[in-house]
Amino acid sequence: MKKKIEIMGIVNITDDSYFPDSRAMNEKSITERTARLIEEGADIIDIGACSTRPGSEYTEEKEELERIRRALVSITGAGLHENVRISIDTFRSSVVKMAHDIAGDIIVNDISSGEEDPEMLETVAGLGLDYIAMHKRGTPKTMQGMCEYGNVTEDINGYFDALEKKMAAYGIKDYILDPGFGFAKTVEQNYELMKNLDSFKRHGRRILAGISRKSMITRMLGISTEEALPATSALNMYALTKGADILRVHDVKEAVQVKKMYELL
């Protein structure tokens, strides 16, 4: 059976994200970027208002709530949510509840797998929402000092083994796994994870790969974020061959081309 590959396009409602072209800080830019990503073939629009780049500080909850509210009002008001799924990149249950009130059946993309907010998993289960659980350690401020593993692939697989029991306790049966490229991993560990991405299939879950223009590319090649699209496309193709089901990207048009080439092959 042919697997379903989805392209998730990024809309950042923050001026602190690491790729400036993904930022949209007012109604006009939010609707324009969202419309363009949909036109280019995005299956999912991932909206985030709290930067999680390495070294960053979390946005205050009140500010995150207002940014997401403004974005969703703009997007739904323009009818842009009708032919695409909306994902909310947040670790706060309050943001999830507010987003659900505005946009309905959203996807929750949680970098903390419920660890940051003890009410997150209960909220997701209660609302019956699709959920993306990512592996990380610490916070964006501290995570790059928390990269000690016995074996990075097996340790993260063990993390998801334990998460399975936690999810079951809340009645969450269907969710997506994200190994968390760049979150509490060295450059070398990121590539080790990529080479072993297919090992995460043992959990029986869809897998999201988020590697777009990240430092695992720019540091390895000695290039800027703006120059990282060709290498991003190369790694996206490799991720698909290793079992990725969803590609989270800044550049939807190119990711759709990668998807089509993969499907042809």
C-alpha atoms as a PDB file:
ATOM      1  CA  MET A   1       0.000   0.000   0.000  1.00  0.00           C
ATOM      2  CA  LYS A   2       1.378   3.379  -1.027  1.00  0.00           C
ATOM      3  CA  LYS A   3       2.166   5.502   2.010  1.00  0.00           C
ATOM      4  CA  LYS A   4       0.665   8.944   2.398  1.00  0.00           C
ATOM      5  CA  ILE A   5       3.313  11.651   2.382  1.00  0.00           C
ATOM      6  CA  GLU A   6       2.323  15.094   3.636  1.00  0.00           C
ATOM      7  CA  ILE A   7       4.083  18.442   3.388  1.00  0.00           C
ATOM      8  CA  MET A   8       3.780  20.741   6.400  1.00  0.00           C
ATOM      9  CA  GLY A   9       4.489  24.398   5.658  1.00  0.00           C
ATOM     10  CA  ILE A  10       5.777  26.683   8.411  1.00  0.00           C
ATOM     11  CA  VAL A  11       4.250  30.055   9.331  1.00  0.00           C
ATOM     12  CA  ASN A  12       6.101  31.727  12.202  1.00  0.00           C
ATOM     13  CA  ILE A  13       4.247  34.461  14.086  1.00  0.00           C
ATOM     14  CA  THR A  14       7.449  35.545  15.786  1.00  0.00           C
ATOM     15  CA  ASP A  15      10.339  37.816  14.889  1.00  0.00           C
ATOM     16  CA  ASP A  16      12.816  35.448  16.569  1.00  0.00           C
ATOM     17  CA  SER A  17      12.644  32.395  14.286  1.00  0.00           C
ATOM     18  CA  TYR A  18      15.923  31.378  12.654  1.00  0.00           C
ATOM     19  CA  PHE A  19      14.720  31.781   9.039  1.00  0.00           C
ATOM     20  CA  PRO A  20      13.374  35.318   8.460  1.00  0.00           C
ATOM     21  CA  ASP A  21      11.369  34.454   5.319  1.00  0.00           C
ATOM     22  CA  SER A  22       9.057  32.232   7.390  1.00  0.00           C
ATOM     23  CA  ARG A  23       8.018  35.107   9.648  1.00  0.00           C
ATOM     24  CA  ALA A  24       4.603  36.737   9.354  1.00  0.00           C
ATOM     25  CA  MET A  25       3.821  39.346  11.971  1.00  0.00           C
ATOM     26  CA  ASN A  26       0.639  41.037  10.762  1.00  0.00           C
ATOM     27  CA  GLU A  27      -2.670  40.057   9.183  1.00  0.00           C
ATOM     28  CA  LYS A  28      -1.565  40.799   5.622  1.00  0.00           C
ATOM     29  CA  SER A  29       1.690  38.840   5.822  1.00  0.00           C
ATOM     30  CA  ILE A  30       0.006  35.942   7.653  1.00  0.00           C
ATOM     31  CA  THR A  31      -2.689  35.499   5.022  1.00  0.00           C
ATOM     32  CA  GLU A  32      -0.250  36.043   2.139  1.00  0.00           C
ATOM     33  CA  ARG A  33       2.258  33.473   3.371  1.00  0.00           C
ATOM     34  CA  THR A  34      -0.443  30.955   4.249  1.00  0.00           C
ATOM     35  CA  ALA A  35      -2.129  31.371   0.860  1.00  0.00           C
ATOM     36  CA  ARG A  36       1.192  30.950  -0.952  1.00  0.00           C
ATOM     37  CA  LEU A  37       2.091  27.770   0.943  1.00  0.00           C
ATOM     38  CA  ILE A  38      -1.340  26.309   0.184  1.00  0.00           C
ATOM     39  CA  GLU A  39      -1.019  27.237  -3.502  1.00  0.00           C
ATOM     40  CA  GLU A  40       2.389  25.538  -3.581  1.00  0.00           C
ATOM     41  CA  GLY A  41       0.854  22.311  -2.318  1.00  0.00           C
ATOM     42  CA  ALA A  42       1.004  22.270   1.495  1.00  0.00           C
ATOM     43  CA  ASP A  43      -1.155  19.632   3.134  1.00  0.00           C
ATOM     44  CA  ILE A  44      -0.720  21.130   6.606  1.00  0.00           C
ATOM     45  CA  ILE A  45       0.006  24.688   7.761  1.00  0.00           C
ATOM     46  CA  ASP A  46       2.008  24.726  11.005  1.00  0.00           C
ATOM     47  CA  ILE A  47       1.547  27.968  12.927  1.00  0.00           C
ATOM     48  CA  GLY A  48       3.928  28.812  15.732  1.00  0.00           C
ATOM     49  CA  ALA A  49       4.261  31.904  17.886  1.00  0.00           C
ATOM     50  CA  CYS A  50       6.994  30.869  20.313  1.00  0.00           C
ATOM     51  CA  SER A  51      10.518  30.545  18.965  1.00  0.00           C
ATOM     52  CA  THR A  52      12.256  27.308  19.936  1.00  0.00           C
ATOM     53  CA  ARG A  53      15.558  27.846  18.145  1.00  0.00           C
ATOM     54  CA  PRO A  54      18.627  26.896  20.220  1.00  0.00           C
ATOM     55  CA  GLY A  55      19.411  29.585  22.808  1.00  0.00           C
ATOM     56  CA  SER A  56      16.028  31.288  22.648  1.00  0.00           C
ATOM     57  CA  GLU A  57      13.750  32.176  25.543  1.00  0.00           C
ATOM     58  CA  TYR A  58      10.122  31.068  25.526  1.00  0.00           C
ATOM     59  CA  THR A  59       7.562  33.698  24.550  1.00  0.00           C
ATOM     60  CA  GLU A  60       5.269  34.704  27.395  1.00  0.00           C
ATOM     61  CA  GLU A  61       2.000  32.751  27.400  1.00  0.00           C
ATOM     62  CA  LYS A  62      -0.168  35.848  27.030  1.00  0.00           C
ATOM     63  CA  GLU A  63       1.797  36.967  23.989  1.00  0.00           C
ATOM     64  CA  GLU A  64       1.699  33.513  22.396  1.00  0.00           C
ATOM     65  CA  LEU A  65      -2.061  33.333  22.885  1.00  0.00           C
ATOM     66  CA  GLU A  66      -2.579  36.725  21.248  1.00  0.00           C
ATOM     67  CA  ARG A  67      -0.298  35.938  18.289  1.00  0.00           C
ATOM     68  CA  ILE A  68      -1.986  32.611  17.582  1.00  0.00           C
ATOM     69  CA  ARG A  69      -5.438  34.139  18.004  1.00  0.00           C
ATOM     70  CA  ARG A  70      -4.592  36.909  15.544  1.00  0.00           C
ATOM     71  CA  ALA A  71      -3.194  34.441  13.036  1.00  0.00           C
ATOM     72  CA  LEU A  72      -6.152  32.063  13.209  1.00  0.00           C
ATOM     73  CA  VAL A  73      -8.707  34.862  12.953  1.00  0.00           C
ATOM     74  CA  SER A  74      -6.904  36.092   9.819  1.00  0.00           C
ATOM     75  CA  ILE A  75      -6.609  32.633   8.266  1.00  0.00           C
ATOM     76  CA  THR A  76     -10.150  31.477   9.012  1.00  0.00           C
ATOM     77  CA  GLY A  77     -11.563  34.869   8.080  1.00  0.00           C
ATOM     78  CA  ALA A  78      -9.976  34.484   4.650  1.00  0.00           C
ATOM     79  CA  GLY A  79     -11.279  30.906   4.364  1.00  0.00           C
ATOM     80  CA  LEU A  80      -7.756  29.532   4.046  1.00  0.00           C
ATOM     81  CA  HIS A  81      -8.406  26.704   6.496  1.00  0.00           C
ATOM     82  CA  GLU A  82     -11.042  25.037   4.335  1.00  0.00           C
ATOM     83  CA  ASN A  83      -8.766  22.943   2.104  1.00  0.00           C
ATOM     84  CA  VAL A  84      -5.782  22.402   4.389  1.00  0.00           C
ATOM     85  CA  ARG A  85      -5.208  21.162   7.928  1.00  0.00           C
ATOM     86  CA  ILE A  86      -4.061  23.638  10.568  1.00  0.00           C
ATOM     87  CA  SER A  87      -1.363  22.620  13.035  1.00  0.00           C
ATOM     88  CA  ILE A  88      -0.488  24.647  16.116  1.00  0.00           C
ATOM     89  CA  ASP A  89       3.149  24.494  17.219  1.00  0.00           C
ATOM     90  CA  THR A  90       2.806  24.898  20.988  1.00  0.00           C
ATOM     91  CA  PHE A  91       3.506  23.166  24.285  1.00  0.00           C
ATOM     92  CA  ARG A  92       0.749  25.057  26.138  1.00  0.00           C
ATOM     93  CA  SER A  93      -2.717  23.567  26.619  1.00  0.00           C
ATOM     94  CA  SER A  94      -4.245  27.042  26.916  1.00  0.00           C
ATOM     95  CA  VAL A  95      -3.125  27.795  23.360  1.00  0.00           C
ATOM     96  CA  VAL A  96      -4.589  24.498  22.155  1.00  0.00           C
ATOM     97  CA  LYS A  97      -7.982  25.229  23.742  1.00  0.00           C
ATOM     98  CA  MET A  98      -8.122  28.721  22.257  1.00  0.00           C
ATOM     99  CA  ALA A  99      -7.029  27.507  18.807  1.00  0.00           C
ATOM    100  CA  HIS A 100      -9.618  24.737  18.855  1.00  0.00           C
ATOM    101  CA  ASP A 101     -12.336  27.258  19.694  1.00  0.00           C
ATOM    102  CA  ILE A 102     -11.413  29.293  16.603  1.00  0.00           C
ATOM    103  CA  ALA A 103     -10.310  26.703  14.046  1.00  0.00           C
ATOM    104  CA  GLY A 104     -11.862  23.432  15.208  1.00  0.00           C
ATOM    105  CA  ASP A 105     -10.105  20.162  14.421  1.00  0.00           C
ATOM    106  CA  ILE A 106      -6.470  21.283  14.620  1.00  0.00           C
ATOM    107  CA  ILE A 107      -3.288  19.234  14.921  1.00  0.00           C
ATOM    108  CA  VAL A 108      -1.199  19.860  18.051  1.00  0.00           C
ATOM    109  CA  ASN A 109       2.548  19.951  17.349  1.00  0.00           C
ATOM    110  CA  ASP A 110       4.134  19.757  20.813  1.00  0.00           C
ATOM    111  CA  ILE A 111       7.942  19.926  21.083  1.00  0.00           C
ATOM    112  CA  SER A 112       7.736  18.639  24.664  1.00  0.00           C
ATOM    113  CA  SER A 113       5.436  15.603  24.253  1.00  0.00           C
ATOM    114  CA  GLY A 114       3.378  16.896  27.166  1.00  0.00           C
ATOM    115  CA  GLU A 115       6.332  17.457  29.521  1.00  0.00           C
ATOM    116  CA  GLU A 116       6.128  21.265  29.658  1.00  0.00           C
ATOM    117  CA  ASP A 117       2.407  21.450  30.519  1.00  0.00           C
ATOM    118  CA  PRO A 118       0.850  18.726  32.696  1.00  0.00           C
ATOM    119  CA  GLU A 119      -2.581  19.514  31.218  1.00  0.00           C
ATOM    120  CA  MET A 120      -1.541  19.089  27.567  1.00  0.00           C
ATOM    121  CA  LEU A 121      -2.206  15.369  27.060  1.00  0.00           C
ATOM    122  CA  GLU A 122      -5.509  15.509  28.928  1.00  0.00           C
ATOM    123  CA  THR A 123      -6.542  18.453  26.753  1.00  0.00           C
ATOM    124  CA  VAL A 124      -5.584  16.712  23.509  1.00  0.00           C
ATOM    125  CA  ALA A 125      -7.402  13.544  24.557  1.00  0.00           C
ATOM    126  CA  GLY A 126     -10.486  15.437  25.689  1.00  0.00           C
ATOM    127  CA  LEU A 127     -10.772  17.357  22.424  1.00  0.00           C
ATOM    128  CA  GLY A 128      -9.897  14.314  20.302  1.00  0.00           C
ATOM    129  CA  LEU A 129      -7.133  16.123  18.430  1.00  0.00           C
ATOM    130  CA  ASP A 130      -4.310  14.702  16.329  1.00  0.00           C
ATOM    131  CA  TYR A 131      -0.989  15.039  18.131  1.00  0.00           C
ATOM    132  CA  ILE A 132       2.685  15.241  17.216  1.00  0.00           C
ATOM    133  CA  ALA A 133       5.049  14.180  19.999  1.00  0.00           C
ATOM    134  CA  MET A 134       8.653  15.327  19.698  1.00  0.00           C
ATOM    135  CA  HIS A 135      11.761  14.301  21.607  1.00  0.00           C
ATOM    136  CA  LYS A 136      13.844  16.972  23.299  1.00  0.00           C
ATOM    137  CA  ARG A 137      15.656  17.593  26.540  1.00  0.00           C
ATOM    138  CA  GLY A 138      15.551  20.765  28.608  1.00  0.00           C
ATOM    139  CA  THR A 139      14.486  24.037  27.029  1.00  0.00           C
ATOM    140  CA  PRO A 140      15.803  25.834  23.934  1.00  0.00           C
ATOM    141  CA  LYS A 141      17.981  27.834  26.333  1.00  0.00           C
ATOM    142  CA  THR A 142      19.584  24.740  27.897  1.00  0.00           C
ATOM    143  CA  MET A 143      19.129  21.869  25.447  1.00  0.00           C
ATOM    144  CA  GLN A 144      22.443  22.083  23.608  1.00  0.00           C
ATOM    145  CA  GLY A 145      24.198  21.296  26.882  1.00  0.00           C
ATOM    146  CA  MET A 146      22.152  18.100  27.222  1.00  0.00           C
ATOM    147  CA  CYS A 147      23.467  15.996  24.352  1.00  0.00           C
ATOM    148  CA  GLU A 148      24.932  13.054  26.282  1.00  0.00           C
ATOM    149  CA  TYR A 149      23.531   9.709  25.116  1.00  0.00           C
ATOM    150  CA  GLY A 150      24.631   6.110  25.340  1.00  0.00           C
ATOM    151  CA  ASN A 151      23.342   5.540  21.832  1.00  0.00           C
ATOM    152  CA  VAL A 152      21.308   8.446  20.505  1.00  0.00           C
ATOM    153  CA  THR A 153      19.022   6.335  18.311  1.00  0.00           C
ATOM    154  CA  GLU A 154      18.300   3.676  20.918  1.00  0.00           C
ATOM    155  CA  ASP A 155      17.940   6.209  23.724  1.00  0.00           C
ATOM    156  CA  ILE A 156      15.307   8.151  21.781  1.00  0.00           C
ATOM    157  CA  ASN A 157      13.555   4.933  20.778  1.00  0.00           C
ATOM    158  CA  GLY A 158      13.467   4.127  24.501  1.00  0.00           C
ATOM    159  CA  TYR A 159      11.942   7.548  25.155  1.00  0.00           C
ATOM    160  CA  PHE A 160       9.138   6.759  22.709  1.00  0.00           C
ATOM    161  CA  ASP A 161       8.671   3.300  24.247  1.00  0.00           C
ATOM    162  CA  ALA A 162       7.973   4.991  27.588  1.00  0.00           C
ATOM    163  CA  LEU A 163       5.794   7.622  25.910  1.00  0.00           C
ATOM    164  CA  GLU A 164       3.579   4.881  24.476  1.00  0.00           C
ATOM    165  CA  LYS A 165       2.491   3.900  27.984  1.00  0.00           C
ATOM    166  CA  LYS A 166       1.909   7.512  28.957  1.00  0.00           C
ATOM    167  CA  MET A 167      -0.235   8.139  25.891  1.00  0.00           C
ATOM    168  CA  ALA A 168      -2.246   4.993  26.523  1.00  0.00           C
ATOM    169  CA  ALA A 169      -2.979   6.148  30.057  1.00  0.00           C
ATOM    170  CA  TYR A 170      -4.623   9.277  28.633  1.00  0.00           C
ATOM    171  CA  GLY A 171      -6.456   7.338  25.927  1.00  0.00           C
ATOM    172  CA  ILE A 172      -4.431   8.823  23.074  1.00  0.00           C
ATOM    173  CA  LYS A 173      -4.186   6.010  20.549  1.00  0.00           C
ATOM    174  CA  ASP A 174      -3.093   7.694  17.323  1.00  0.00           C
ATOM    175  CA  TYR A 175      -0.219  10.160  17.262  1.00  0.00           C
ATOM    176  CA  ILE A 176       2.830  11.110  15.195  1.00  0.00           C
ATOM    177  CA  LEU A 177       6.472  10.809  16.268  1.00  0.00           C
ATOM    178  CA  ASP A 178       9.140  13.473  15.702  1.00  0.00           C
ATOM    179  CA  PRO A 179      12.700  12.535  16.755  1.00  0.00           C
ATOM    180  CA  GLY A 180      13.481  16.232  17.211  1.00  0.00           C
ATOM    181  CA  PHE A 181      16.355  17.015  14.879  1.00  0.00           C
ATOM    182  CA  GLY A 182      18.394  19.828  16.433  1.00  0.00           C
ATOM    183  CA  PHE A 183      16.829  19.576  19.885  1.00  0.00           C
ATOM    184  CA  ALA A 184      19.450  18.429  22.405  1.00  0.00           C
ATOM    185  CA  LYS A 185      21.493  16.748  19.663  1.00  0.00           C
ATOM    186  CA  THR A 186      24.911  17.534  18.259  1.00  0.00           C
ATOM    187  CA  VAL A 187      25.365  17.888  14.519  1.00  0.00           C
ATOM    188  CA  GLU A 188      26.846  14.386  14.399  1.00  0.00           C
ATOM    189  CA  GLN A 189      23.969  12.939  16.439  1.00  0.00           C
ATOM    190  CA  ASN A 190      21.463  14.485  14.049  1.00  0.00           C
ATOM    191  CA  TYR A 191      23.027  12.603  11.145  1.00  0.00           C
ATOM    192  CA  GLU A 192      23.160   9.405  13.173  1.00  0.00           C
ATOM    193  CA  LEU A 193      19.435   9.804  13.784  1.00  0.00           C
ATOM    194  CA  MET A 194      18.813  10.474  10.106  1.00  0.00           C
ATOM    195  CA  LYS A 195      20.683   7.331   9.065  1.00  0.00           C
ATOM    196  CA  ASN A 196      18.573   5.317  11.519  1.00  0.00           C
ATOM    197  CA  LEU A 197      15.247   7.100  11.020  1.00  0.00           C
ATOM    198  CA  ASP A 198      13.626   3.863   9.881  1.00  0.00           C
ATOM    199  CA  SER A 199      14.248   2.365  13.341  1.00  0.00           C
ATOM    200  CA  PHE A 200      11.395   4.525  14.675  1.00  0.00           C
ATOM    201  CA  LYS A 201       8.951   2.573  12.511  1.00  0.00           C
ATOM    202  CA  ARG A 202       8.950  -0.089  15.226  1.00  0.00           C
ATOM    203  CA  HIS A 203       6.515   2.076  17.184  1.00  0.00           C
ATOM    204  CA  GLY A 204       3.887   1.753  14.472  1.00  0.00           C
ATOM    205  CA  ARG A 205       3.447   5.523  14.178  1.00  0.00           C
ATOM    206  CA  ARG A 206       3.776   8.032  11.359  1.00  0.00           C
ATOM    207  CA  ILE A 207       7.078   9.919  11.490  1.00  0.00           C
ATOM    208  CA  LEU A 208       7.658  13.636  11.017  1.00  0.00           C
ATOM    209  CA  ALA A 209      11.061  14.921   9.889  1.00  0.00           C
ATOM    210  CA  GLY A 210      11.794  18.586  10.581  1.00  0.00           C
ATOM    211  CA  ILE A 211      15.220  19.418   9.146  1.00  0.00           C
ATOM    212  CA  SER A 212      14.473  22.449   7.010  1.00  0.00           C
ATOM    213  CA  ARG A 213      17.436  24.871   6.874  1.00  0.00           C
ATOM    214  CA  LYS A 214      18.599  23.771  10.347  1.00  0.00           C
ATOM    215  CA  SER A 215      22.092  24.159  11.781  1.00  0.00           C
ATOM    216  CA  MET A 216      22.815  20.483  11.150  1.00  0.00           C
ATOM    217  CA  ILE A 217      23.035  21.639   7.526  1.00  0.00           C
ATOM    218  CA  THR A 218      24.537  25.103   7.837  1.00  0.00           C
ATOM    219  CA  ARG A 219      27.274  24.102  10.298  1.00  0.00           C
ATOM    220  CA  MET A 220      28.219  21.006   8.364  1.00  0.00           C
ATOM    221  CA  LEU A 221      28.529  22.898   5.073  1.00  0.00           C
ATOM    222  CA  GLY A 222      29.692  26.260   6.419  1.00  0.00           C
ATOM    223  CA  ILE A 223      26.811  28.124   4.774  1.00  0.00           C
ATOM    224  CA  SER A 224      24.069  30.526   5.814  1.00  0.00           C
ATOM    225  CA  THR A 225      20.457  29.602   6.501  1.00  0.00           C
ATOM    226  CA  GLU A 226      19.500  31.367   3.283  1.00  0.00           C
ATOM    227  CA  GLU A 227      21.836  29.080   1.301  1.00  0.00           C
ATOM    228  CA  ALA A 228      20.545  25.836   2.830  1.00  0.00           C
ATOM    229  CA  LEU A 229      17.632  24.976   0.531  1.00  0.00           C
ATOM    230  CA  PRO A 230      19.458  22.551  -1.837  1.00  0.00           C
ATOM    231  CA  ALA A 231      20.879  20.534   1.068  1.00  0.00           C
ATOM    232  CA  THR A 232      17.495  20.613   2.793  1.00  0.00           C
ATOM    233  CA  SER A 233      15.918  19.074  -0.287  1.00  0.00           C
ATOM    234  CA  ALA A 234      18.600  16.383  -0.394  1.00  0.00           C
ATOM    235  CA  LEU A 235      17.998  15.442   3.236  1.00  0.00           C
ATOM    236  CA  ASN A 236      14.233  15.532   2.767  1.00  0.00           C
ATOM    237  CA  MET A 237      14.545  12.986  -0.029  1.00  0.00           C
ATOM    238  CA  TYR A 238      16.755  10.801   2.166  1.00  0.00           C
ATOM    239  CA  ALA A 239      14.292  11.115   5.052  1.00  0.00           C
ATOM    240  CA  LEU A 240      11.503   9.832   2.805  1.00  0.00           C
ATOM    241  CA  THR A 241      13.593   6.810   1.816  1.00  0.00           C
ATOM    242  CA  LYS A 242      14.131   6.125   5.536  1.00  0.00           C
ATOM    243  CA  GLY A 243      10.452   6.168   6.422  1.00  0.00           C
ATOM    244  CA  ALA A 244       9.410   9.783   7.004  1.00  0.00           C
ATOM    245  CA  ASP A 245       5.713  10.399   6.379  1.00  0.00           C
ATOM    246  CA  ILE A 246       5.582  14.173   6.974  1.00  0.00           C
ATOM    247  CA  LEU A 247       8.155  16.789   5.966  1.00  0.00           C
ATOM    248  CA  ARG A 248       8.026  20.009   7.985  1.00  0.00           C
ATOM    249  CA  VAL A 249       9.499  22.729   5.765  1.00  0.00           C
ATOM    250  CA  HIS A 250       9.899  26.423   5.130  1.00  0.00           C
ATOM    251  CA  ASP A 251       9.869  25.889   1.348  1.00  0.00           C
ATOM    252  CA  VAL A 252       6.751  24.011   0.277  1.00  0.00           C
ATOM    253  CA  LYS A 253       7.179  24.179  -3.501  1.00  0.00           C
ATOM    254  CA  GLU A 254      10.556  22.465  -3.369  1.00  0.00           C
ATOM    255  CA  ALA A 255       9.367  19.880  -0.829  1.00  0.00           C
ATOM    256  CA  VAL A 256       6.435  18.990  -3.076  1.00  0.00           C
ATOM    257  CA  GLN A 257       8.918  18.443  -5.910  1.00  0.00           C
ATOM    258  CA  VAL A 258      10.969  16.150  -3.655  1.00  0.00           C
ATOM    259  CA  LYS A 259       7.801  14.234  -2.767  1.00  0.00           C
ATOM    260  CA  LYS A 260       6.919  13.793  -6.446  1.00  0.00           C
ATOM    261  CA  MET A 261      10.422  12.557  -7.307  1.00  0.00           C
ATOM    262  CA  TYR A 262      10.281  10.085  -4.431  1.00  0.00           C
ATOM    263  CA  GLU A 263       6.911   8.782  -5.571  1.00  0.00           C
ATOM    264  CA  LEU A 264       8.176   8.390  -9.151  1.00  0.00           C
ATOM    265  CA  LEU A 265      11.104   6.338  -7.890  1.00  0.00           C
END
